[in-house]
N, C-alpha and C. Protein backbone atom coordinates (compact mmCIF):
# COMPACT_ATOMS: atom_id res chain seq x y z
N UNK A 1 102.28 81.31 104.85
CA UNK A 1 103.08 82.48 105.16
C UNK A 1 102.38 83.75 104.69
N UNK A 2 102.75 84.88 105.23
CA UNK A 2 102.10 86.14 104.92
C UNK A 2 102.63 86.72 103.62
N UNK A 3 102.01 87.78 103.17
CA UNK A 3 102.39 88.54 102.00
C UNK A 3 102.42 87.70 100.74
N UNK A 4 101.51 86.72 100.62
CA UNK A 4 101.37 85.96 99.40
C UNK A 4 102.50 84.99 99.14
N UNK A 5 103.27 84.67 100.14
CA UNK A 5 104.38 83.75 99.94
C UNK A 5 103.84 82.34 99.74
N UNK A 6 104.50 81.61 98.92
CA UNK A 6 104.09 80.24 98.65
C UNK A 6 104.51 79.34 99.79
N UNK A 7 103.69 78.35 100.07
CA UNK A 7 104.05 77.37 101.09
C UNK A 7 104.96 76.30 100.52
N UNK A 8 105.13 76.31 99.21
CA UNK A 8 105.99 75.31 98.59
C UNK A 8 107.43 75.63 98.91
N UNK A 9 108.11 74.70 99.51
CA UNK A 9 109.51 74.89 99.87
C UNK A 9 110.39 74.16 98.89
N UNK A 10 111.68 74.12 99.11
CA UNK A 10 112.58 73.41 98.22
C UNK A 10 112.32 71.91 98.30
N UNK A 11 112.66 71.23 97.24
CA UNK A 11 112.49 69.78 97.25
C UNK A 11 113.46 69.16 98.24
N UNK A 12 113.19 67.93 98.63
CA UNK A 12 114.06 67.29 99.62
C UNK A 12 115.47 67.14 99.10
N UNK A 13 115.63 67.10 97.79
CA UNK A 13 116.97 66.95 97.23
C UNK A 13 117.83 68.18 97.47
N UNK A 14 117.20 69.39 97.47
CA UNK A 14 118.01 70.58 97.65
C UNK A 14 117.78 71.26 99.00
N UNK A 15 117.10 70.61 99.91
CA UNK A 15 116.81 71.21 101.21
C UNK A 15 118.09 71.58 101.95
N UNK A 16 119.06 70.70 101.98
CA UNK A 16 120.28 70.97 102.74
C UNK A 16 121.06 72.13 102.17
N UNK A 17 121.10 72.28 100.84
CA UNK A 17 121.88 73.36 100.27
C UNK A 17 121.13 74.67 100.25
N UNK A 18 119.79 74.63 100.24
CA UNK A 18 119.01 75.86 100.13
C UNK A 18 118.58 76.42 101.46
N UNK A 19 118.71 75.70 102.51
CA UNK A 19 118.23 76.13 103.82
C UNK A 19 119.40 76.55 104.69
N UNK A 20 119.17 77.64 105.40
CA UNK A 20 120.18 78.08 106.34
C UNK A 20 119.56 78.29 107.69
N UNK A 21 120.35 78.19 108.72
CA UNK A 21 119.85 78.47 110.06
C UNK A 21 120.24 79.88 110.40
N UNK A 22 119.34 80.60 111.03
CA UNK A 22 119.63 81.97 111.42
C UNK A 22 119.69 82.06 112.92
N UNK A 23 120.75 82.64 113.38
CA UNK A 23 120.87 83.01 114.78
C UNK A 23 121.13 84.51 114.77
N UNK A 24 120.95 85.21 115.86
CA UNK A 24 121.16 86.66 115.87
C UNK A 24 122.51 87.03 115.25
N UNK A 25 122.51 88.12 114.43
CA UNK A 25 123.68 88.49 113.63
C UNK A 25 124.82 89.10 114.42
N UNK A 26 124.53 90.01 115.32
CA UNK A 26 125.55 90.71 116.07
C UNK A 26 126.22 89.75 117.05
N UNK A 27 127.53 89.45 116.86
CA UNK A 27 128.17 88.47 117.73
C UNK A 27 128.09 88.84 119.21
N UNK A 28 128.25 90.13 119.54
CA UNK A 28 128.18 90.54 120.95
C UNK A 28 126.77 90.31 121.48
N UNK A 29 125.77 90.73 120.70
CA UNK A 29 124.38 90.55 121.11
C UNK A 29 124.03 89.07 121.16
N UNK A 30 124.50 88.30 120.18
CA UNK A 30 124.22 86.87 120.16
C UNK A 30 124.80 86.20 121.40
N UNK A 31 125.99 86.61 121.78
CA UNK A 31 126.61 86.05 122.98
C UNK A 31 125.79 86.39 124.22
N UNK A 32 125.32 87.66 124.30
CA UNK A 32 124.49 88.07 125.43
C UNK A 32 123.19 87.27 125.45
N UNK A 33 122.54 87.17 124.26
CA UNK A 33 121.25 86.51 124.21
C UNK A 33 121.35 85.02 124.45
N UNK A 34 122.41 84.38 123.92
CA UNK A 34 122.51 82.94 124.09
C UNK A 34 122.93 82.55 125.49
N UNK A 35 123.53 83.48 126.22
CA UNK A 35 123.95 83.16 127.58
C UNK A 35 123.02 83.81 128.60
N UNK A 36 121.76 84.04 128.18
CA UNK A 36 120.80 84.73 129.06
C UNK A 36 120.68 84.06 130.41
N UNK A 37 120.78 82.74 130.46
CA UNK A 37 120.62 82.04 131.72
C UNK A 37 121.90 81.94 132.53
N UNK A 38 123.03 82.17 131.90
CA UNK A 38 124.30 81.96 132.58
C UNK A 38 124.49 82.87 133.78
N UNK A 39 124.10 84.15 133.63
CA UNK A 39 124.30 85.10 134.71
C UNK A 39 123.41 84.78 135.91
N UNK A 40 122.34 84.05 135.68
CA UNK A 40 121.40 83.74 136.76
C UNK A 40 121.62 82.33 137.29
N UNK A 41 122.72 81.68 136.89
CA UNK A 41 122.93 80.31 137.31
C UNK A 41 121.92 79.39 136.62
N UNK A 42 121.40 79.84 135.49
CA UNK A 42 120.42 79.11 134.68
C UNK A 42 119.12 78.88 135.43
N UNK A 43 118.83 79.72 136.40
CA UNK A 43 117.55 79.61 137.10
C UNK A 43 116.48 80.25 136.24
N UNK A 44 115.26 79.78 136.33
CA UNK A 44 114.16 80.41 135.58
C UNK A 44 113.97 81.86 136.03
N UNK A 45 113.61 82.71 135.08
CA UNK A 45 113.38 84.11 135.37
C UNK A 45 111.89 84.41 135.31
N UNK A 46 111.47 85.38 136.10
CA UNK A 46 110.08 85.82 136.07
C UNK A 46 109.85 86.68 134.83
N UNK A 47 108.59 86.93 134.53
CA UNK A 47 108.24 87.76 133.37
C UNK A 47 108.86 89.16 133.49
N UNK A 48 108.87 89.71 134.70
CA UNK A 48 109.47 91.03 134.92
C UNK A 48 110.96 91.04 134.64
N UNK A 49 111.65 90.00 135.09
CA UNK A 49 113.09 89.90 134.85
C UNK A 49 113.40 89.76 133.36
N UNK A 50 112.59 88.95 132.66
CA UNK A 50 112.80 88.77 131.22
C UNK A 50 112.51 90.07 130.48
N UNK A 51 111.43 90.74 130.86
CA UNK A 51 111.08 92.01 130.24
C UNK A 51 112.22 93.01 130.38
N UNK A 52 112.79 93.09 131.57
CA UNK A 52 113.89 94.03 131.79
C UNK A 52 115.13 93.61 131.01
N UNK A 53 115.45 92.33 131.01
CA UNK A 53 116.64 91.84 130.32
C UNK A 53 116.58 92.09 128.82
N UNK A 54 115.41 91.95 128.22
CA UNK A 54 115.26 92.09 126.77
C UNK A 54 114.71 93.44 126.34
N UNK A 55 114.40 94.31 127.30
CA UNK A 55 113.87 95.62 126.95
C UNK A 55 112.47 95.56 126.36
N UNK A 56 111.65 94.64 126.85
CA UNK A 56 110.29 94.46 126.37
C UNK A 56 109.30 94.82 127.47
N UNK A 57 108.06 95.00 127.08
CA UNK A 57 107.02 95.22 128.08
C UNK A 57 106.42 93.87 128.49
N UNK A 58 105.78 93.85 129.64
CA UNK A 58 105.09 92.65 130.08
C UNK A 58 103.99 92.30 129.07
N UNK A 59 103.35 93.33 128.55
CA UNK A 59 102.28 93.12 127.58
C UNK A 59 102.80 92.40 126.33
N UNK A 60 103.98 92.79 125.86
CA UNK A 60 104.57 92.14 124.69
C UNK A 60 104.83 90.67 124.96
N UNK A 61 105.40 90.37 126.12
CA UNK A 61 105.67 88.98 126.46
C UNK A 61 104.39 88.16 126.54
N UNK A 62 103.37 88.74 127.14
CA UNK A 62 102.08 88.04 127.22
C UNK A 62 101.48 87.84 125.83
N UNK A 63 101.64 88.83 124.97
CA UNK A 63 101.14 88.73 123.60
C UNK A 63 101.85 87.61 122.85
N UNK A 64 103.18 87.54 122.97
CA UNK A 64 103.93 86.46 122.33
C UNK A 64 103.49 85.10 122.86
N UNK A 65 103.19 85.05 124.15
CA UNK A 65 102.71 83.80 124.73
C UNK A 65 101.33 83.45 124.17
N UNK A 66 100.44 84.44 124.06
CA UNK A 66 99.10 84.20 123.52
C UNK A 66 99.17 83.71 122.08
N UNK A 67 100.16 84.17 121.34
CA UNK A 67 100.35 83.75 119.94
C UNK A 67 101.12 82.43 119.84
N UNK A 68 101.47 81.85 120.99
CA UNK A 68 102.18 80.57 121.07
C UNK A 68 103.58 80.63 120.46
N UNK A 69 104.19 81.79 120.52
CA UNK A 69 105.57 81.94 120.08
C UNK A 69 106.53 81.52 121.19
N UNK A 70 106.13 81.78 122.42
CA UNK A 70 106.90 81.35 123.58
C UNK A 70 105.92 80.66 124.54
N UNK A 71 106.44 79.73 125.30
CA UNK A 71 105.57 78.98 126.23
C UNK A 71 106.27 78.80 127.57
N UNK A 72 106.33 79.88 128.36
CA UNK A 72 106.93 79.74 129.69
C UNK A 72 106.07 78.81 130.54
N UNK A 73 106.71 78.15 131.48
CA UNK A 73 105.90 77.31 132.36
C UNK A 73 105.40 78.16 133.52
N UNK A 74 104.46 77.63 134.22
CA UNK A 74 103.83 78.39 135.30
C UNK A 74 104.03 77.69 136.64
N UNK A 75 104.27 78.51 137.62
CA UNK A 75 104.31 78.05 139.01
C UNK A 75 103.22 78.86 139.69
N UNK A 76 102.03 78.27 139.81
CA UNK A 76 100.87 79.03 140.27
C UNK A 76 100.49 80.01 139.18
N UNK A 77 100.42 81.29 139.52
CA UNK A 77 100.12 82.33 138.54
C UNK A 77 101.37 82.97 137.94
N UNK A 78 102.54 82.53 138.38
CA UNK A 78 103.80 83.14 137.95
C UNK A 78 104.33 82.46 136.70
N UNK A 79 104.62 83.27 135.69
CA UNK A 79 105.27 82.76 134.47
C UNK A 79 106.76 82.66 134.76
N UNK A 80 107.34 81.53 134.43
CA UNK A 80 108.78 81.35 134.61
C UNK A 80 109.40 80.96 133.28
N UNK A 81 110.48 81.66 132.94
CA UNK A 81 111.14 81.49 131.65
C UNK A 81 112.47 80.77 131.85
N UNK A 82 112.55 79.56 131.30
CA UNK A 82 113.79 78.78 131.35
C UNK A 82 114.75 79.33 130.30
N UNK A 83 115.96 78.85 130.33
CA UNK A 83 116.96 79.25 129.34
C UNK A 83 116.47 78.97 127.93
N UNK A 84 115.84 77.82 127.72
CA UNK A 84 115.33 77.49 126.38
C UNK A 84 114.23 78.46 125.95
N UNK A 85 113.41 78.92 126.88
CA UNK A 85 112.37 79.91 126.56
C UNK A 85 113.01 81.23 126.14
N UNK A 86 114.07 81.61 126.83
CA UNK A 86 114.74 82.87 126.51
C UNK A 86 115.48 82.78 125.18
N UNK A 87 116.03 81.62 124.87
CA UNK A 87 116.67 81.45 123.56
C UNK A 87 115.64 81.56 122.44
N UNK A 88 114.47 80.97 122.66
CA UNK A 88 113.40 81.06 121.67
C UNK A 88 112.93 82.52 121.54
N UNK A 89 112.81 83.22 122.64
CA UNK A 89 112.45 84.63 122.60
C UNK A 89 113.47 85.42 121.79
N UNK A 90 114.75 85.11 121.95
CA UNK A 90 115.80 85.77 121.18
C UNK A 90 115.58 85.56 119.69
N UNK A 91 115.17 84.36 119.30
CA UNK A 91 114.91 84.08 117.89
C UNK A 91 113.69 84.85 117.38
N UNK A 92 112.67 84.94 118.21
CA UNK A 92 111.48 85.73 117.84
C UNK A 92 111.90 87.18 117.60
N UNK A 93 112.71 87.73 118.50
CA UNK A 93 113.15 89.12 118.37
C UNK A 93 114.06 89.30 117.16
N UNK A 94 114.89 88.31 116.88
CA UNK A 94 115.74 88.37 115.69
C UNK A 94 114.88 88.38 114.43
N UNK A 95 113.86 87.55 114.41
CA UNK A 95 112.94 87.53 113.27
C UNK A 95 112.24 88.87 113.08
N UNK A 96 111.85 89.50 114.19
CA UNK A 96 111.21 90.82 114.10
C UNK A 96 112.19 91.86 113.56
N UNK A 97 113.46 91.80 114.03
CA UNK A 97 114.47 92.74 113.51
C UNK A 97 114.64 92.59 112.01
N UNK A 98 114.47 91.37 111.51
CA UNK A 98 114.60 91.12 110.08
C UNK A 98 113.34 91.46 109.30
N UNK A 99 112.31 91.90 110.02
CA UNK A 99 111.10 92.36 109.37
C UNK A 99 110.07 91.30 109.08
N UNK A 100 110.23 90.10 109.63
CA UNK A 100 109.24 89.05 109.43
C UNK A 100 108.03 89.29 110.32
N UNK A 101 106.87 88.86 109.85
CA UNK A 101 105.66 88.94 110.66
C UNK A 101 105.72 87.86 111.73
N UNK A 102 104.89 88.00 112.75
CA UNK A 102 104.86 86.97 113.80
C UNK A 102 104.39 85.63 113.23
N UNK A 103 103.47 85.65 112.28
CA UNK A 103 103.01 84.40 111.66
C UNK A 103 104.15 83.73 110.92
N UNK A 104 104.96 84.51 110.22
CA UNK A 104 106.10 83.95 109.51
C UNK A 104 107.12 83.39 110.49
N UNK A 105 107.37 84.12 111.57
CA UNK A 105 108.33 83.66 112.58
C UNK A 105 107.84 82.36 113.19
N UNK A 106 106.57 82.28 113.51
CA UNK A 106 106.01 81.06 114.10
C UNK A 106 106.23 79.88 113.15
N UNK A 107 105.99 80.10 111.87
CA UNK A 107 106.18 79.05 110.88
C UNK A 107 107.65 78.63 110.81
N UNK A 108 108.55 79.61 110.84
CA UNK A 108 109.98 79.31 110.78
C UNK A 108 110.46 78.61 112.05
N UNK A 109 109.85 78.90 113.17
CA UNK A 109 110.24 78.27 114.44
C UNK A 109 109.62 76.90 114.63
N UNK A 110 108.52 76.60 113.99
CA UNK A 110 107.85 75.32 114.20
C UNK A 110 108.70 74.14 113.79
N UNK A 111 109.63 74.35 112.91
CA UNK A 111 110.47 73.25 112.44
C UNK A 111 111.54 72.89 113.47
N UNK A 112 112.15 73.89 114.03
CA UNK A 112 113.21 73.69 115.03
C UNK A 112 113.05 74.75 116.09
N UNK A 113 113.56 74.47 117.25
CA UNK A 113 113.46 75.45 118.33
C UNK A 113 114.76 76.19 118.57
N UNK A 114 115.83 75.81 117.87
CA UNK A 114 117.12 76.43 118.15
C UNK A 114 117.53 77.48 117.14
N UNK A 115 116.78 77.63 116.06
CA UNK A 115 117.12 78.63 115.06
C UNK A 115 115.94 78.89 114.14
N UNK A 116 116.04 79.99 113.39
CA UNK A 116 115.07 80.27 112.34
C UNK A 116 115.61 79.62 111.07
N UNK A 117 114.83 78.78 110.46
CA UNK A 117 115.28 78.11 109.24
C UNK A 117 114.72 78.84 108.04
N UNK A 118 115.61 79.51 107.32
CA UNK A 118 115.24 80.32 106.17
C UNK A 118 115.82 79.71 104.90
N UNK A 119 115.04 79.78 103.82
CA UNK A 119 115.57 79.38 102.52
C UNK A 119 116.23 80.60 101.88
N UNK A 120 117.03 80.37 100.85
CA UNK A 120 117.61 81.49 100.12
C UNK A 120 116.50 82.34 99.51
N UNK A 121 115.45 81.68 99.03
CA UNK A 121 114.32 82.40 98.44
C UNK A 121 113.66 83.32 99.48
N UNK A 122 113.48 82.82 100.69
CA UNK A 122 112.88 83.64 101.76
C UNK A 122 113.77 84.83 102.09
N UNK A 123 115.07 84.60 102.12
CA UNK A 123 116.01 85.69 102.40
C UNK A 123 115.92 86.76 101.31
N UNK A 124 115.94 86.35 100.05
CA UNK A 124 115.89 87.30 98.95
C UNK A 124 114.56 88.06 98.94
N UNK A 125 113.48 87.36 99.18
CA UNK A 125 112.17 88.02 99.23
C UNK A 125 112.13 89.07 100.32
N UNK A 126 112.68 88.73 101.49
CA UNK A 126 112.68 89.66 102.62
C UNK A 126 113.59 90.85 102.33
N UNK A 127 114.73 90.60 101.71
CA UNK A 127 115.64 91.70 101.35
C UNK A 127 114.93 92.67 100.41
N UNK A 128 114.23 92.14 99.41
CA UNK A 128 113.50 93.00 98.46
C UNK A 128 112.43 93.81 99.17
N UNK A 129 111.70 93.17 100.07
CA UNK A 129 110.66 93.87 100.83
C UNK A 129 111.27 94.99 101.67
N UNK A 130 112.35 94.70 102.38
CA UNK A 130 112.99 95.71 103.23
C UNK A 130 113.57 96.85 102.39
N UNK A 131 114.12 96.52 101.21
CA UNK A 131 114.65 97.58 100.34
C UNK A 131 113.52 98.49 99.86
N UNK A 132 112.37 97.91 99.57
CA UNK A 132 111.20 98.70 99.16
C UNK A 132 110.75 99.60 100.31
N UNK A 133 110.70 99.05 101.51
CA UNK A 133 110.32 99.86 102.69
C UNK A 133 111.33 100.98 102.92
N UNK A 134 112.61 100.67 102.72
CA UNK A 134 113.66 101.67 102.89
C UNK A 134 113.47 102.82 101.90
N UNK A 135 113.17 102.49 100.65
CA UNK A 135 112.93 103.54 99.64
C UNK A 135 111.74 104.40 100.04
N UNK A 136 110.68 103.77 100.52
CA UNK A 136 109.49 104.53 100.95
C UNK A 136 109.82 105.46 102.11
N UNK A 137 110.60 104.97 103.05
CA UNK A 137 111.00 105.79 104.20
C UNK A 137 111.88 106.95 103.74
N UNK A 138 112.82 106.68 102.83
CA UNK A 138 113.69 107.75 102.33
C UNK A 138 112.88 108.82 101.61
N UNK A 139 111.85 108.41 100.84
CA UNK A 139 110.99 109.38 100.16
C UNK A 139 110.21 110.22 101.17
N UNK A 140 109.72 109.59 102.22
CA UNK A 140 108.98 110.31 103.26
C UNK A 140 109.89 111.32 103.96
N UNK A 141 111.12 110.93 104.25
CA UNK A 141 112.08 111.83 104.90
C UNK A 141 112.36 113.02 104.00
N UNK A 142 112.56 112.76 102.71
CA UNK A 142 112.82 113.85 101.75
C UNK A 142 111.64 114.82 101.72
N UNK A 143 110.44 114.29 101.68
CA UNK A 143 109.25 115.14 101.67
C UNK A 143 109.13 115.96 102.94
N UNK A 144 109.38 115.33 104.08
CA UNK A 144 109.32 116.06 105.36
C UNK A 144 110.39 117.15 105.44
N UNK A 145 111.56 116.88 104.89
CA UNK A 145 112.62 117.90 104.89
C UNK A 145 112.22 119.09 104.04
N UNK A 146 111.56 118.82 102.91
CA UNK A 146 111.09 119.91 102.05
C UNK A 146 110.03 120.74 102.77
N UNK A 147 109.13 120.09 103.48
CA UNK A 147 108.11 120.80 104.24
C UNK A 147 108.76 121.64 105.33
N UNK A 148 109.73 121.06 106.03
CA UNK A 148 110.44 121.77 107.09
C UNK A 148 111.16 122.99 106.52
N UNK A 149 111.80 122.83 105.38
CA UNK A 149 112.51 123.93 104.74
C UNK A 149 111.54 125.04 104.36
N UNK A 150 110.35 124.67 103.88
CA UNK A 150 109.37 125.69 103.50
C UNK A 150 108.93 126.49 104.73
N UNK A 151 108.82 125.85 105.89
CA UNK A 151 108.49 126.58 107.12
C UNK A 151 109.58 127.61 107.42
N UNK A 152 110.81 127.19 107.31
CA UNK A 152 111.94 128.08 107.59
C UNK A 152 111.95 129.24 106.60
N UNK A 153 111.71 128.95 105.32
CA UNK A 153 111.72 130.00 104.29
C UNK A 153 110.62 131.03 104.56
N UNK A 154 109.42 130.54 104.96
CA UNK A 154 108.33 131.47 105.28
C UNK A 154 108.68 132.33 106.49
N UNK A 155 109.34 131.73 107.46
CA UNK A 155 109.74 132.48 108.65
C UNK A 155 110.73 133.58 108.26
N UNK A 156 111.69 133.26 107.40
CA UNK A 156 112.68 134.24 106.96
C UNK A 156 111.99 135.35 106.18
N UNK A 157 111.04 134.98 105.32
CA UNK A 157 110.32 135.98 104.54
C UNK A 157 109.53 136.92 105.45
N UNK A 158 108.84 136.36 106.46
CA UNK A 158 108.06 137.17 107.38
C UNK A 158 108.98 138.10 108.19
N UNK A 159 110.11 137.58 108.62
CA UNK A 159 111.07 138.39 109.37
C UNK A 159 111.60 139.52 108.50
N UNK A 160 111.83 139.23 107.25
CA UNK A 160 112.31 140.26 106.30
C UNK A 160 111.29 141.34 106.06
N UNK A 161 110.00 140.99 106.02
CA UNK A 161 108.94 141.97 105.80
C UNK A 161 108.85 142.93 106.98
N UNK A 162 109.04 142.44 108.18
CA UNK A 162 108.90 143.29 109.37
C UNK A 162 110.09 144.21 109.58
N UNK A 163 111.21 143.91 109.00
CA UNK A 163 112.40 144.73 109.23
C UNK A 163 112.45 145.91 108.29
N UNK A 164 111.60 145.95 107.29
CA UNK A 164 111.61 147.10 106.35
C UNK A 164 110.84 148.23 106.86
């Protein structure tokens, strides 16, 4: 796993209690994502249709395929995404929303194809990482606001000088 995470997982004795399955959090979004094939009569979708449905670029889908995160089947040169492919794509996107790297997501998906299997330790580590990123972003926003305010103050000072 990335970011120096240990490959050592929980012992088999505590695997059931320490491991959780993750599916997309937002119930409305989860319902939309899990029923991706329902609106199409569960027919396979082309790469363009999947890109539009998920708000992704064709390049992103091809990249995920090159990284072996998704494996659509091919009919000639056409990539076709079955319902199971779209469910897996939903899990990849859920993992990205949670801030996991693609390598981490691949590792989490290799065990099962129907969910991301996270330990409590992995969840806590990711929460700490995201909180750290949030603090960094908040500091950057504060600094940018100060810079913006200084521009405004200089403008007011210049305007005041010209009115005298």
